[in-house]
N, C-alpha and C. Protein backbone atom coordinates (compact mmCIF):
# COMPACT_ATOMS: atom_id res chain seq x y z
N MET A 1 88.63 -150.27 112.46
CA MET A 1 90.74 -149.73 112.42
C MET A 1 90.63 -150.60 113.94
N GLY A 2 90.02 -149.78 114.57
CA GLY A 2 89.85 -150.06 116.74
C GLY A 2 89.27 -150.93 116.95
N ASP A 3 88.69 -151.15 116.42
CA ASP A 3 88.42 -152.79 116.84
C ASP A 3 88.90 -153.53 117.12
N ALA A 4 89.36 -153.82 115.68
CA ALA A 4 90.35 -154.82 115.38
C ALA A 4 91.88 -154.77 116.07
N LEU A 5 92.86 -153.67 116.54
CA LEU A 5 93.86 -153.46 116.90
C LEU A 5 93.51 -154.03 118.73
N ALA A 6 91.60 -153.43 118.84
CA ALA A 6 91.34 -153.55 120.73
C ALA A 6 91.08 -154.86 120.86
N ARG A 7 90.94 -156.25 119.78
CA ARG A 7 90.75 -157.26 119.99
C ARG A 7 92.07 -158.72 120.08
N LEU A 8 92.42 -157.41 119.05
CA LEU A 8 94.58 -157.97 119.00
C LEU A 8 95.51 -157.49 120.32
N LYS A 9 95.17 -157.09 120.63
CA LYS A 9 95.72 -155.83 122.05
C LYS A 9 95.14 -157.09 122.29
N GLN A 10 94.01 -157.40 122.97
CA GLN A 10 93.38 -157.46 124.31
C GLN A 10 93.07 -155.84 125.60
N VAL A 11 92.40 -154.59 124.72
CA VAL A 11 92.34 -153.70 125.25
C VAL A 11 90.86 -153.09 125.04
N SER A 12 90.36 -152.08 125.92
CA SER A 12 89.03 -151.51 125.28
C SER A 12 89.88 -150.61 124.07
N ARG A 13 88.80 -150.60 123.15
CA ARG A 13 88.35 -149.43 121.96
C ARG A 13 89.38 -147.87 122.15
N THR A 14 88.75 -147.80 123.30
CA THR A 14 89.44 -146.22 123.38
C THR A 14 90.82 -146.28 123.89
N ASP A 15 91.60 -147.67 124.44
CA ASP A 15 92.60 -147.55 124.75
C ASP A 15 93.21 -148.22 123.30
N ALA A 16 92.94 -148.77 122.75
CA ALA A 16 93.39 -149.18 121.29
C ALA A 16 93.65 -147.79 120.50
N LEU A 17 92.14 -147.08 120.64
CA LEU A 17 93.22 -145.76 119.63
C LEU A 17 93.78 -145.04 120.44
N ARG A 18 93.57 -144.58 121.06
CA ARG A 18 94.70 -144.38 121.61
C ARG A 18 96.11 -144.42 122.17
N MET A 19 96.95 -145.02 122.09
CA MET A 19 97.35 -146.10 121.92
C MET A 19 97.88 -145.85 120.36
N ALA A 20 96.70 -146.21 119.61
CA ALA A 20 97.75 -146.24 118.32
C ALA A 20 97.71 -144.80 117.57
N GLY A 21 97.11 -143.84 119.05
CA GLY A 21 97.59 -141.68 118.40
C GLY A 21 96.52 -141.57 117.58
N LEU A 22 95.12 -142.08 118.07
CA LEU A 22 94.11 -141.79 117.17
C LEU A 22 93.30 -140.66 118.25
N ILE A 23 93.91 -140.96 119.02
CA ILE A 23 93.22 -140.10 120.00
C ILE A 23 94.10 -139.52 121.04
N SER A 24 94.29 -138.78 121.96
CA SER A 24 94.89 -138.14 123.09
C SER A 24 94.53 -137.93 124.30
N SER A 25 93.34 -138.94 124.62
CA SER A 25 92.99 -138.54 126.34
C SER A 25 92.02 -139.79 126.18
N SER A 26 91.01 -140.30 127.55
CA SER A 26 90.59 -141.11 128.04
C SER A 26 89.19 -141.11 126.92
N THR A 27 88.81 -139.69 126.35
CA THR A 27 87.70 -139.85 125.85
C THR A 27 87.54 -138.80 124.38
N VAL A 28 86.87 -139.91 123.49
CA VAL A 28 86.60 -139.70 122.10
C VAL A 28 86.42 -138.44 122.01
N SER A 29 87.58 -137.51 121.34
CA SER A 29 86.57 -136.77 120.58
C SER A 29 85.04 -137.01 119.12
N ALA A 30 84.77 -135.39 119.18
CA ALA A 30 83.10 -135.07 119.14
C ALA A 30 83.73 -135.69 117.36
N VAL A 31 84.48 -135.89 116.92
CA VAL A 31 84.59 -135.67 115.51
C VAL A 31 85.09 -137.65 115.34
N PHE A 32 85.23 -138.18 116.39
CA PHE A 32 85.82 -139.41 116.50
C PHE A 32 84.60 -139.85 115.38
N GLY A 33 84.86 -141.17 114.66
CA GLY A 33 84.16 -142.04 113.49
C GLY A 33 83.84 -141.51 112.04
N HIS A 34 83.52 -140.13 112.23
CA HIS A 34 83.07 -139.16 111.51
C HIS A 34 84.03 -138.70 109.99
N ARG A 35 85.18 -138.24 110.93
CA ARG A 35 86.00 -137.38 110.34
C ARG A 35 87.46 -137.65 111.10
N VAL A 36 88.76 -137.38 109.67
CA VAL A 36 90.32 -137.83 110.14
C VAL A 36 91.02 -136.46 110.32
N SER A 37 91.11 -136.11 111.00
CA SER A 37 92.04 -135.05 110.50
C SER A 37 93.26 -135.48 109.67
N ASP A 38 94.46 -134.90 109.39
CA ASP A 38 95.06 -134.55 108.10
C ASP A 38 95.98 -134.87 108.90
N SER A 39 96.34 -134.25 110.36
CA SER A 39 97.94 -134.75 110.62
C SER A 39 97.34 -136.76 110.92
N VAL A 40 96.77 -136.63 111.51
CA VAL A 40 96.66 -138.65 111.92
C VAL A 40 96.46 -139.38 110.15
N VAL A 41 95.65 -138.67 110.12
CA VAL A 41 96.05 -139.81 107.94
C VAL A 41 97.34 -140.31 107.92
N ARG A 42 98.10 -138.12 107.66
CA ARG A 42 99.97 -138.87 107.39
C ARG A 42 100.57 -139.68 108.38
N ALA A 43 99.66 -139.61 109.67
CA ALA A 43 100.80 -140.72 110.21
C ALA A 43 100.14 -141.72 110.76
N VAL A 44 99.22 -142.23 110.26
CA VAL A 44 98.83 -143.44 109.84
C VAL A 44 98.72 -143.75 108.63
N SER A 45 99.11 -143.17 107.99
CA SER A 45 99.74 -143.66 106.83
C SER A 45 100.87 -143.86 106.57
N GLN A 46 101.30 -143.45 107.29
CA GLN A 46 102.62 -143.04 106.75
C GLN A 46 103.00 -144.63 107.64
N SER A 47 102.91 -145.14 109.00
CA SER A 47 102.90 -145.86 109.43
C SER A 47 102.03 -147.97 109.16
N THR A 48 100.98 -147.07 107.83
CA THR A 48 100.89 -148.66 107.85
C THR A 48 100.38 -148.24 106.07
N GLY A 49 101.18 -147.36 105.42
CA GLY A 49 101.07 -147.38 104.35
C GLY A 49 99.64 -147.96 103.53
N VAL A 50 98.13 -147.59 104.11
CA VAL A 50 96.97 -147.29 104.00
C VAL A 50 97.41 -145.64 103.68
N THR A 51 96.56 -145.44 102.45
CA THR A 51 96.64 -144.32 101.81
C THR A 51 95.46 -143.27 102.04
N GLY A 52 96.12 -141.87 102.44
CA GLY A 52 95.00 -140.84 102.74
C GLY A 52 93.31 -140.77 102.86
N GLN A 53 93.05 -141.53 101.31
CA GLN A 53 91.76 -141.14 100.88
C GLN A 53 90.52 -142.58 101.12
N ARG A 54 91.69 -144.02 101.56
CA ARG A 54 91.12 -144.98 102.09
C ARG A 54 91.26 -144.56 103.07
N LEU A 55 91.98 -144.49 104.49
CA LEU A 55 91.78 -143.56 105.65
C LEU A 55 90.23 -143.17 105.76
N ARG A 56 89.99 -142.05 104.52
CA ARG A 56 89.10 -140.93 105.49
C ARG A 56 88.04 -142.03 104.69
N SER A 57 88.12 -143.10 103.72
CA SER A 57 87.17 -144.16 103.25
C SER A 57 85.91 -145.65 104.67
N MET A 58 87.86 -145.12 105.52
CA MET A 58 87.06 -145.94 106.56
C MET A 58 86.15 -146.01 107.52
N THR A 59 85.43 -143.93 107.86
CA THR A 59 84.98 -142.71 108.48
C THR A 59 83.28 -142.77 107.49
N LEU A 60 83.25 -142.20 108.82
CA LEU A 60 81.78 -141.62 108.28
C LEU A 60 81.37 -140.92 106.64
N ALA A 61 82.62 -140.38 106.77
CA ALA A 61 82.68 -138.82 105.87
C ALA A 61 82.48 -139.41 105.21
N HIS A 62 82.51 -140.64 104.48
CA HIS A 62 82.60 -141.55 103.43
C HIS A 62 81.61 -141.49 102.81
N TYR A 63 79.99 -141.16 103.47
CA TYR A 63 78.07 -141.01 103.21
C TYR A 63 78.39 -139.69 103.11
N ALA A 64 78.78 -138.78 103.27
CA ALA A 64 78.81 -137.33 103.47
C ALA A 64 78.66 -136.91 101.80
N GLY A 65 77.50 -135.72 101.67
CA GLY A 65 76.96 -135.55 100.56
C GLY A 65 75.85 -136.62 100.08
N SER A 66 76.33 -137.62 100.32
CA SER A 66 75.17 -138.63 99.90
C SER A 66 74.32 -139.31 101.53
N ALA A 67 74.33 -139.74 101.87
CA ALA A 67 73.62 -140.31 103.22
C ALA A 67 73.42 -138.71 104.38
N LEU A 68 74.16 -138.82 104.20
CA LEU A 68 74.61 -137.88 105.40
C LEU A 68 74.76 -136.01 104.73
N GLU A 69 74.60 -135.06 105.30
CA GLU A 69 74.65 -134.36 105.53
C GLU A 69 75.99 -134.18 104.72
N PRO A 70 76.78 -133.03 103.77
CA PRO A 70 78.23 -133.39 104.20
C PRO A 70 78.72 -132.09 105.63
N LEU A 71 79.33 -132.61 105.77
CA LEU A 71 80.45 -132.07 107.22
C LEU A 71 80.85 -130.91 107.22
N PRO A 72 80.88 -130.74 108.66
CA PRO A 72 81.12 -129.16 108.91
C PRO A 72 82.33 -129.29 108.83
N SER A 73 82.77 -127.76 108.32
CA SER A 73 83.91 -127.29 107.46
C SER A 73 85.32 -127.70 108.86
N ASP A 74 86.60 -127.73 107.95
CA ASP A 74 88.02 -128.34 108.86
C ASP A 74 88.06 -127.32 110.43
N ASP A 75 87.78 -126.10 109.66
CA ASP A 75 88.14 -125.42 110.90
C ASP A 75 86.71 -124.54 112.12
N ALA A 76 86.04 -125.86 111.52
CA ALA A 76 84.52 -125.42 112.71
C ALA A 76 85.22 -125.40 114.33
N GLU A 77 84.65 -124.97 114.75
CA GLU A 77 84.53 -125.18 116.66
C GLU A 77 83.65 -126.78 116.90
N GLU A 78 84.97 -127.47 117.20
CA GLU A 78 84.10 -128.60 117.61
C GLU A 78 82.95 -129.14 118.03
N TYR A 79 82.72 -128.95 119.07
CA TYR A 79 81.81 -129.56 119.42
C TYR A 79 80.52 -128.01 119.04
N GLY A 80 80.15 -127.26 118.54
CA GLY A 80 79.58 -126.73 118.06
C GLY A 80 78.43 -127.41 117.48
N ALA A 81 79.41 -127.48 116.12
CA ALA A 81 79.75 -127.04 114.84
C ALA A 81 79.09 -129.62 114.46
N TRP A 82 80.01 -129.70 115.22
CA TRP A 82 79.90 -131.76 115.02
C TRP A 82 78.56 -132.24 116.17
N ALA A 83 78.50 -131.89 116.92
CA ALA A 83 76.47 -131.14 117.92
C ALA A 83 75.81 -131.22 116.77
N ALA A 84 75.88 -130.04 116.88
CA ALA A 84 74.01 -129.42 116.14
C ALA A 84 74.19 -130.79 114.46
N TRP A 85 75.36 -131.42 113.33
CA TRP A 85 76.07 -131.62 112.29
C TRP A 85 74.85 -132.69 112.85
N ARG A 86 75.67 -133.75 114.01
CA ARG A 86 75.54 -135.20 115.18
C ARG A 86 73.61 -135.19 114.72
N TYR A 87 73.84 -133.92 115.76
CA TYR A 87 71.68 -134.07 115.64
C TYR A 87 70.99 -134.53 114.41
N ARG A 88 71.35 -133.35 113.76
CA ARG A 88 70.36 -132.86 112.90
C ARG A 88 70.58 -135.22 111.19
N GLN A 89 72.00 -135.66 111.84
CA GLN A 89 71.43 -136.61 111.36
C GLN A 89 70.87 -137.97 112.38
N ARG A 90 70.61 -137.44 113.64
CA ARG A 90 69.96 -138.70 114.48
C ARG A 90 68.65 -139.84 114.09
N THR A 91 68.04 -139.23 112.42
CA THR A 91 67.17 -140.19 111.85
C THR A 91 68.02 -140.99 110.56
N VAL A 92 69.12 -141.08 110.90
CA VAL A 92 70.07 -141.62 109.97
C VAL A 92 71.67 -142.06 110.46
N LEU A 93 71.22 -141.83 111.98
CA LEU A 93 72.48 -142.22 113.14
C LEU A 93 72.06 -143.11 114.00
N PRO A 94 71.57 -143.95 113.87
CA PRO A 94 71.30 -144.36 115.26
C PRO A 94 72.05 -144.32 116.38
N LYS A 95 72.53 -144.38 118.03
CA LYS A 95 72.87 -144.30 118.60
C LYS A 95 73.20 -145.32 118.66
N HIS A 96 72.81 -146.77 118.69
CA HIS A 96 73.64 -147.73 118.61
C HIS A 96 73.92 -148.47 117.82
N SER A 97 74.96 -149.60 116.62
CA SER A 97 74.63 -149.75 115.65
C SER A 97 74.69 -150.91 114.81
N ASN A 98 73.37 -151.30 114.72
CA ASN A 98 74.05 -152.43 114.52
C ASN A 98 74.74 -153.82 114.31
N ALA A 99 74.49 -155.47 114.01
CA ALA A 99 76.09 -156.34 113.56
C ALA A 99 74.93 -157.22 113.39
N CYS A 100 75.90 -158.03 112.21
CA CYS A 100 75.49 -159.63 112.37
C CYS A 100 76.80 -160.60 112.75
N PRO A 101 76.48 -161.36 113.93
CA PRO A 101 77.33 -161.95 114.72
C PRO A 101 78.72 -162.61 114.09
N SER A 102 77.46 -163.15 113.17
CA SER A 102 78.22 -164.78 111.55
C SER A 102 79.44 -163.45 110.74
N CYS A 103 79.14 -162.41 110.94
CA CYS A 103 80.16 -161.47 109.69
C CYS A 103 80.98 -161.03 110.50
N LEU A 104 80.42 -160.39 111.76
CA LEU A 104 81.78 -160.61 112.89
C LEU A 104 83.02 -161.18 113.54
N ARG A 105 82.29 -162.73 113.31
CA ARG A 105 83.32 -164.50 113.25
C ARG A 105 84.18 -164.22 111.96
N GLU A 106 83.41 -163.75 111.04
CA GLU A 106 84.26 -163.58 109.54
C GLU A 106 84.97 -163.02 109.29
N ASN A 107 85.86 -161.62 110.23
CA ASN A 107 86.20 -161.29 109.08
C ASN A 107 86.65 -160.53 110.87
N GLY A 108 87.29 -161.50 111.81
CA GLY A 108 87.43 -161.08 112.96
C GLY A 108 87.63 -160.02 114.03
N GLY A 109 86.49 -159.98 113.89
CA GLY A 109 85.41 -157.94 115.05
C GLY A 109 85.51 -156.81 114.59
N ARG A 110 85.91 -156.83 113.45
CA ARG A 110 85.55 -155.44 112.31
C ARG A 110 84.87 -155.12 112.07
N TRP A 111 84.57 -154.49 112.57
CA TRP A 111 82.67 -153.04 112.53
C TRP A 111 82.26 -152.98 111.41
N LEU A 112 81.66 -153.23 110.63
CA LEU A 112 81.75 -152.83 109.52
C LEU A 112 81.08 -151.19 109.12
N LEU A 113 81.51 -150.24 108.59
CA LEU A 113 80.91 -148.89 108.60
C LEU A 113 79.28 -148.86 108.63
N LYS A 114 79.86 -149.89 107.19
CA LYS A 114 77.66 -149.56 107.37
C LYS A 114 76.41 -150.34 108.56
N TRP A 115 76.95 -150.17 109.41
CA TRP A 115 76.50 -151.18 110.67
C TRP A 115 75.94 -149.69 111.61
N ARG A 116 76.31 -148.33 110.97
CA ARG A 116 76.38 -147.29 111.81
C ARG A 116 75.17 -146.85 111.51
N LEU A 117 74.61 -146.64 109.83
CA LEU A 117 74.01 -146.46 109.06
C LEU A 117 72.22 -147.00 109.48
N VAL A 118 71.06 -146.50 109.86
CA VAL A 118 69.78 -146.97 110.99
C VAL A 118 69.77 -147.93 109.50
N TRP A 119 70.02 -147.60 107.93
CA TRP A 119 68.78 -148.66 106.46
C TRP A 119 69.47 -149.85 107.34
N SER A 120 71.04 -150.20 107.64
CA SER A 120 71.13 -151.47 108.13
C SER A 120 70.59 -152.52 109.42
N PHE A 121 70.16 -152.87 109.12
CA PHE A 121 69.21 -154.01 110.13
C PHE A 121 68.72 -155.34 110.25
N ALA A 122 69.99 -155.25 109.24
CA ALA A 122 69.44 -156.92 108.53
C ALA A 122 70.67 -157.30 108.26
N CYS A 123 71.49 -158.37 107.66
CA CYS A 123 72.11 -159.28 107.40
C CYS A 123 71.56 -160.17 106.14
N VAL A 124 71.90 -159.38 105.07
CA VAL A 124 71.21 -160.06 103.86
C VAL A 124 72.09 -160.81 102.82
N ARG A 125 73.44 -161.27 104.04
CA ARG A 125 74.56 -162.66 103.28
C ARG A 125 73.81 -163.78 104.12
N HIS A 126 73.91 -163.43 105.52
CA HIS A 126 73.30 -164.08 106.71
C HIS A 126 72.18 -165.06 106.83
N GLN A 127 71.16 -163.85 106.31
CA GLN A 127 70.24 -163.63 106.09
C GLN A 127 69.77 -163.26 108.56
N ARG A 128 69.94 -162.67 109.06
CA ARG A 128 70.03 -162.34 110.12
C ARG A 128 69.67 -160.62 110.52
N THR A 129 68.69 -160.53 111.89
CA THR A 129 68.71 -159.71 111.82
C THR A 129 69.64 -159.15 112.94
């Protein structure tokens, strides 16, 4: 969603996320992309009509408890708990995600969530790496 908004408004991803109210500063939170707070889910859901469950499925929380370890609790101290969680996921969550240029062209520049996982290194649809 952030990438699509950035492209539409011709701004950086960080600026688009700030404009949408998903982050409040110039730095992205330690949990961004992994978990969405209840207040953000309510605000985005009210303004877009997308359900909270659907919004959460657009984050890596979708894979928590299966491909990824369960997420830290909502009341966990943000930096320490999340930094430890991300460190333990380092074999599953690479520093950089892969992408298929053909998929990006076809879907308006939207980055697929599964590309953030280490085993998404080739596109079977377009037979590209």
